[in-house]
Amino acid sequence: MPSASEALEDNLILWLDANNSNSWTGSGSTWFDVSGNDYDAEIVTSVPSTGTVNGATYLNLSTRDDYFKIPSSVHGGALSTKSGQTLTFLFWMRLPSISPGVSGLNVIFHSKNAANSSSYCRYYDPSVEGFNFFVRDTSYNADVNSGYVGSVNNTDWFMVVIDWDYSNNEFGLHRYQPNETNYNNHDFGDVSPQQTVDTDIYLFNDPDSVYGGYGYLGEIRAYDTTFTTSELDTKYNEQKGKYGIS
């Protein structure tokens, strides 16, 4: 269960926390969900090493081959990015190494169904783009959102949030990076095409290409709702102290 200092939030349906020994035990291949739903994530390939930055523990996914997966058979559709869903994923993470160009393409989140329709959140060379979101249909045609959310540095923790409101055909992408003039950047767009069947969740992986993610993961939370930018500002301010951000 979560530590006494951190209570379960309203609408929380997934909580993977490297700083909670009930979630990450330090051994084995499972990152346990402490939201109460048991949507546990399984590590693929090697078990990640751990470290501490600013007092916060991280899991080091040091190569593109290291990632976590939550199959739809485990989450029962609750985490699926499909029509009818209202869903938010919140990441606390660091990118200690940001390569330039295509080698810096880093898939943070990938949701994929059996028909190969996919939703992605990726981070690309900050001199070129930054965070972006796109969707592929069954013919592998991509609908890439034209907007990008601000870049991050490789020295600080940051919070990135992806949300979907499929009933209104909208998604949001939000980046919170300390020590930036505009520490909170937001972008919104239309979800097209919409997926209609349950999806497997890949964390720091792109099973369709070589551009799996790498970096430090502090925690991942998911909610069965979306939030206003003001509400996300509040979450950032409530959670940032855990990562040594004043």
Protein backbone atom coordinates (compact mmCIF):
# COMPACT_ATOMS: atom_id res chain seq x y z
CA MET A 1 0.00 0.00 0.00
CA PRO A 2 1.10 3.64 -0.41
CA SER A 3 3.13 5.27 2.35
CA ALA A 4 1.26 7.11 5.06
CA SER A 5 2.47 10.44 3.70
CA GLU A 6 0.82 9.91 0.33
CA ALA A 7 -2.86 9.09 0.26
CA LEU A 8 -4.68 7.67 -2.72
CA GLU A 9 -6.05 10.42 -4.95
CA ASP A 10 -9.55 10.61 -6.32
CA ASN A 11 -9.94 8.88 -9.71
CA LEU A 12 -6.54 7.18 -9.39
CA ILE A 13 -6.59 3.82 -11.19
CA LEU A 14 -2.84 3.10 -11.57
CA TRP A 15 0.14 3.99 -9.40
CA LEU A 16 3.60 2.62 -10.10
CA ASP A 17 6.10 4.23 -7.72
CA ALA A 18 9.83 3.53 -7.54
CA ASN A 19 9.89 5.29 -4.15
CA ASN A 20 7.41 2.90 -2.57
CA SER A 21 8.78 -0.49 -1.50
CA ASN A 22 5.32 -2.01 -1.93
CA SER A 23 5.41 -0.96 -5.57
CA TRP A 24 9.06 -1.59 -6.46
CA THR A 25 10.46 -4.27 -4.16
CA GLY A 26 14.01 -4.07 -5.51
CA SER A 27 13.97 -7.50 -7.11
CA GLY A 28 11.88 -9.59 -9.46
CA SER A 29 10.30 -8.49 -12.71
CA THR A 30 7.10 -6.80 -11.51
CA TRP A 31 6.40 -3.12 -10.83
CA PHE A 32 3.37 -3.42 -8.58
CA ASP A 33 0.37 -1.13 -8.88
CA VAL A 34 -0.45 0.34 -5.46
CA SER A 35 -3.69 2.02 -6.52
CA GLY A 36 -5.60 -1.03 -5.31
CA ASN A 37 -6.44 -2.26 -8.82
CA ASP A 38 -3.45 -4.58 -9.30
CA TYR A 39 -2.68 -3.37 -12.82
CA ASP A 40 0.89 -4.53 -12.35
CA ALA A 41 3.55 -3.81 -14.99
CA GLU A 42 6.04 -6.47 -16.06
CA ILE A 43 9.63 -5.63 -17.00
CA VAL A 44 10.74 -6.97 -20.36
CA THR A 45 14.43 -7.94 -20.72
CA SER A 46 16.70 -7.03 -17.81
CA VAL A 47 15.54 -5.83 -14.40
CA PRO A 48 16.43 -2.12 -14.16
CA SER A 49 19.00 -0.80 -11.75
CA THR A 50 18.01 1.94 -9.31
CA GLY A 51 19.53 5.19 -8.18
CA THR A 52 18.64 8.36 -6.32
CA VAL A 53 18.56 11.98 -7.53
CA ASN A 54 17.43 14.84 -5.27
CA GLY A 55 16.26 12.29 -2.71
CA ALA A 56 13.95 10.47 -5.14
CA THR A 57 14.50 6.90 -6.32
CA TYR A 58 14.35 6.03 -10.00
CA LEU A 59 14.35 2.91 -12.14
CA ASN A 60 17.04 3.16 -14.79
CA LEU A 61 15.82 1.91 -18.15
CA SER A 62 19.22 2.36 -19.72
CA THR A 63 18.63 0.85 -23.16
CA ARG A 64 15.84 0.82 -25.72
CA ASP A 65 15.34 -2.90 -25.03
CA ASP A 66 14.28 -2.34 -21.41
CA TYR A 67 10.62 -1.52 -20.90
CA PHE A 68 7.45 -2.27 -18.96
CA LYS A 69 4.23 -3.71 -20.33
CA ILE A 70 0.68 -3.87 -18.96
CA PRO A 71 -1.41 -6.16 -21.19
CA SER A 72 -5.11 -5.50 -21.64
CA SER A 73 -5.70 -8.89 -20.02
CA VAL A 74 -4.27 -7.39 -16.82
CA HIS A 75 -5.96 -3.97 -16.84
CA GLY A 76 -9.25 -5.29 -18.27
CA GLY A 77 -9.65 -2.32 -20.60
CA ALA A 78 -9.40 0.32 -17.88
CA LEU A 79 -6.15 1.72 -19.33
CA SER A 80 -7.10 1.34 -23.00
CA THR A 81 -6.83 4.43 -25.18
CA LYS A 82 -10.00 3.80 -27.14
CA SER A 83 -13.32 5.45 -27.95
CA GLY A 84 -15.50 6.11 -24.94
CA GLN A 85 -12.60 6.48 -22.52
CA THR A 86 -11.60 9.45 -20.39
CA LEU A 87 -8.06 8.86 -19.22
CA THR A 88 -4.93 10.62 -17.95
CA PHE A 89 -1.37 9.28 -17.63
CA LEU A 90 1.09 11.24 -15.47
CA PHE A 91 4.86 10.53 -15.52
CA TRP A 92 7.65 11.74 -13.25
CA MET A 93 10.92 11.07 -15.02
CA ARG A 94 14.35 12.27 -16.14
CA LEU A 95 16.21 11.96 -19.42
CA PRO A 96 19.89 11.90 -18.38
CA SER A 97 21.05 11.54 -21.99
CA ILE A 98 19.36 13.34 -24.87
CA SER A 99 20.87 12.47 -28.24
CA PRO A 100 20.53 14.75 -31.26
CA GLY A 101 18.60 13.90 -34.41
CA VAL A 102 16.77 10.64 -35.03
CA SER A 103 18.89 8.83 -32.43
CA GLY A 104 17.20 11.06 -29.87
CA LEU A 105 13.70 9.82 -30.71
CA ASN A 106 12.45 8.45 -27.40
CA VAL A 107 9.02 6.77 -27.09
CA ILE A 108 7.69 7.37 -23.58
CA PHE A 109 4.25 5.80 -23.92
CA HIS A 110 2.76 3.42 -26.48
CA SER A 111 -0.76 1.99 -26.48
CA LYS A 112 -1.38 -0.70 -29.10
CA ASN A 113 -4.24 -3.06 -29.96
CA ALA A 114 -4.37 -6.38 -31.78
CA ALA A 115 -5.19 -4.62 -35.06
CA ASN A 116 -1.94 -2.62 -34.77
CA SER A 117 -3.68 0.72 -34.22
CA SER A 118 -1.45 2.74 -31.91
CA SER A 119 -1.22 5.88 -29.82
CA TYR A 120 2.18 7.29 -28.87
CA CYS A 121 3.78 9.96 -26.78
CA ARG A 122 7.37 10.54 -27.83
CA TYR A 123 10.24 12.89 -27.11
CA TYR A 124 12.46 13.99 -29.96
CA ASP A 125 15.68 16.00 -30.19
CA PRO A 126 14.73 19.26 -28.38
CA SER A 127 16.47 21.37 -31.02
CA VAL A 128 13.99 19.92 -33.52
CA GLU A 129 10.78 19.18 -31.63
CA GLY A 130 10.22 18.15 -28.02
CA PHE A 131 7.24 16.14 -26.80
CA ASN A 132 4.66 15.11 -29.36
CA PHE A 133 1.65 12.83 -29.66
CA PHE A 134 0.47 10.85 -32.65
CA VAL A 135 -1.86 8.04 -33.66
CA ARG A 136 -1.48 5.31 -36.29
CA ASP A 137 -4.36 3.46 -37.93
CA THR A 138 -4.43 -0.18 -39.04
CA SER A 139 -2.77 0.75 -42.34
CA TYR A 140 0.05 2.33 -40.30
CA ASN A 141 -0.78 5.81 -41.55
CA ALA A 142 0.21 8.39 -38.96
CA ASP A 143 -1.83 11.35 -37.81
CA VAL A 144 0.85 13.47 -36.18
CA ASN A 145 -0.20 16.43 -34.12
CA SER A 146 1.46 19.52 -35.54
CA GLY A 147 2.07 21.07 -32.12
CA TYR A 148 4.99 20.25 -29.83
CA VAL A 149 5.32 20.73 -26.11
CA GLY A 150 8.49 22.36 -24.79
CA SER A 151 11.79 20.57 -24.41
CA VAL A 152 13.41 19.39 -21.17
CA ASN A 153 16.96 19.38 -19.84
CA ASN A 154 18.95 16.36 -18.72
CA THR A 155 19.61 17.52 -15.16
CA ASP A 156 16.15 17.85 -13.56
CA TRP A 157 13.13 15.75 -12.85
CA PHE A 158 10.10 16.76 -14.87
CA MET A 159 6.41 15.84 -15.07
CA VAL A 160 4.75 14.98 -18.36
CA VAL A 161 1.02 14.31 -18.69
CA ILE A 162 -1.03 12.81 -21.53
CA ASP A 163 -4.82 12.85 -21.40
CA TRP A 164 -7.64 11.68 -23.64
CA ASP A 165 -11.28 12.76 -23.67
CA TYR A 166 -12.61 10.51 -26.40
CA SER A 167 -16.21 11.61 -25.94
CA ASN A 168 -15.14 15.07 -27.14
CA ASN A 169 -12.43 13.75 -29.51
CA GLU A 170 -9.70 15.64 -27.68
CA PHE A 171 -6.29 14.91 -26.22
CA GLY A 172 -3.92 17.02 -24.17
CA LEU A 173 -0.16 16.96 -23.73
CA HIS A 174 1.46 18.81 -20.83
CA ARG A 175 5.09 19.29 -19.78
CA TYR A 176 6.27 20.66 -16.40
CA GLN A 177 10.00 21.37 -16.28
CA PRO A 178 11.60 23.33 -13.41
CA ASN A 179 14.18 26.00 -14.19
CA GLU A 180 12.49 26.89 -17.47
CA THR A 181 10.99 30.34 -18.11
CA ASN A 182 7.74 28.68 -19.17
CA TYR A 183 7.86 25.69 -16.84
CA ASN A 184 4.40 24.47 -17.83
CA ASN A 185 3.63 24.01 -21.53
CA HIS A 186 0.36 22.60 -22.83
CA ASP A 187 -0.92 21.48 -26.22
CA PHE A 188 -4.30 20.14 -27.30
CA GLY A 189 -5.58 18.40 -30.43
CA ASP A 190 -8.06 16.01 -31.96
CA VAL A 191 -7.77 12.23 -31.58
CA SER A 192 -7.94 10.73 -35.05
CA PRO A 193 -8.37 7.89 -35.79
CA GLN A 194 -10.06 6.60 -32.65
CA GLN A 195 -9.33 3.05 -31.60
CA THR A 196 -12.28 0.85 -30.70
CA VAL A 197 -10.76 -2.20 -28.99
CA ASP A 198 -8.67 -2.66 -25.86
CA THR A 199 -4.98 -1.82 -25.97
CA ASP A 200 -1.82 -3.15 -24.35
CA ILE A 201 0.25 -0.49 -22.60
CA TYR A 202 3.99 -0.17 -23.23
CA LEU A 203 6.06 2.13 -21.01
CA PHE A 204 9.31 3.35 -22.58
CA ASN A 205 8.89 1.13 -25.62
CA ASP A 206 7.83 1.23 -29.26
CA PRO A 207 7.22 -2.38 -30.33
CA ASP A 208 6.83 -1.26 -33.95
CA SER A 209 10.32 0.21 -34.34
CA VAL A 210 13.77 0.58 -32.79
CA TYR A 211 12.90 3.81 -30.98
CA GLY A 212 12.07 2.46 -27.55
CA GLY A 213 12.53 4.81 -24.63
CA TYR A 214 15.37 5.09 -22.17
CA GLY A 215 15.79 7.15 -19.05
CA TYR A 216 14.89 7.33 -15.37
CA LEU A 217 11.35 6.58 -14.17
CA GLY A 218 10.22 7.84 -10.78
CA GLU A 219 6.54 7.03 -10.98
CA ILE A 220 3.57 6.68 -13.29
CA ARG A 221 0.01 7.45 -12.31
CA ALA A 222 -3.20 7.01 -14.32
CA TYR A 223 -6.64 8.49 -13.65
CA ASP A 224 -10.06 7.74 -15.12
CA THR A 225 -10.69 11.43 -15.72
CA THR A 226 -9.03 14.46 -17.30
CA PHE A 227 -7.91 17.65 -15.56
CA THR A 228 -7.91 21.35 -16.33
CA THR A 229 -4.54 23.04 -16.65
CA SER A 230 -5.16 24.67 -13.27
CA GLU A 231 -5.78 21.25 -11.70
CA LEU A 232 -2.57 19.92 -13.28
CA ASP A 233 -0.70 22.93 -11.89
CA THR A 234 -1.97 21.91 -8.46
CA LYS A 235 -0.85 18.29 -8.93
CA TYR A 236 2.61 19.44 -9.98
CA ASN A 237 2.92 21.66 -6.93
CA GLU A 238 1.65 18.90 -4.62
CA GLN A 239 4.00 16.23 -6.01
CA LYS A 240 7.18 18.14 -6.90
CA GLY A 241 8.61 18.18 -3.37
CA LYS A 242 9.08 14.42 -3.57
CA TYR A 243 11.59 15.09 -6.37
CA GLY A 244 13.50 17.85 -4.61
CA ILE A 245 11.83 20.68 -6.54
CA SER A 246 11.08 23.76 -4.50
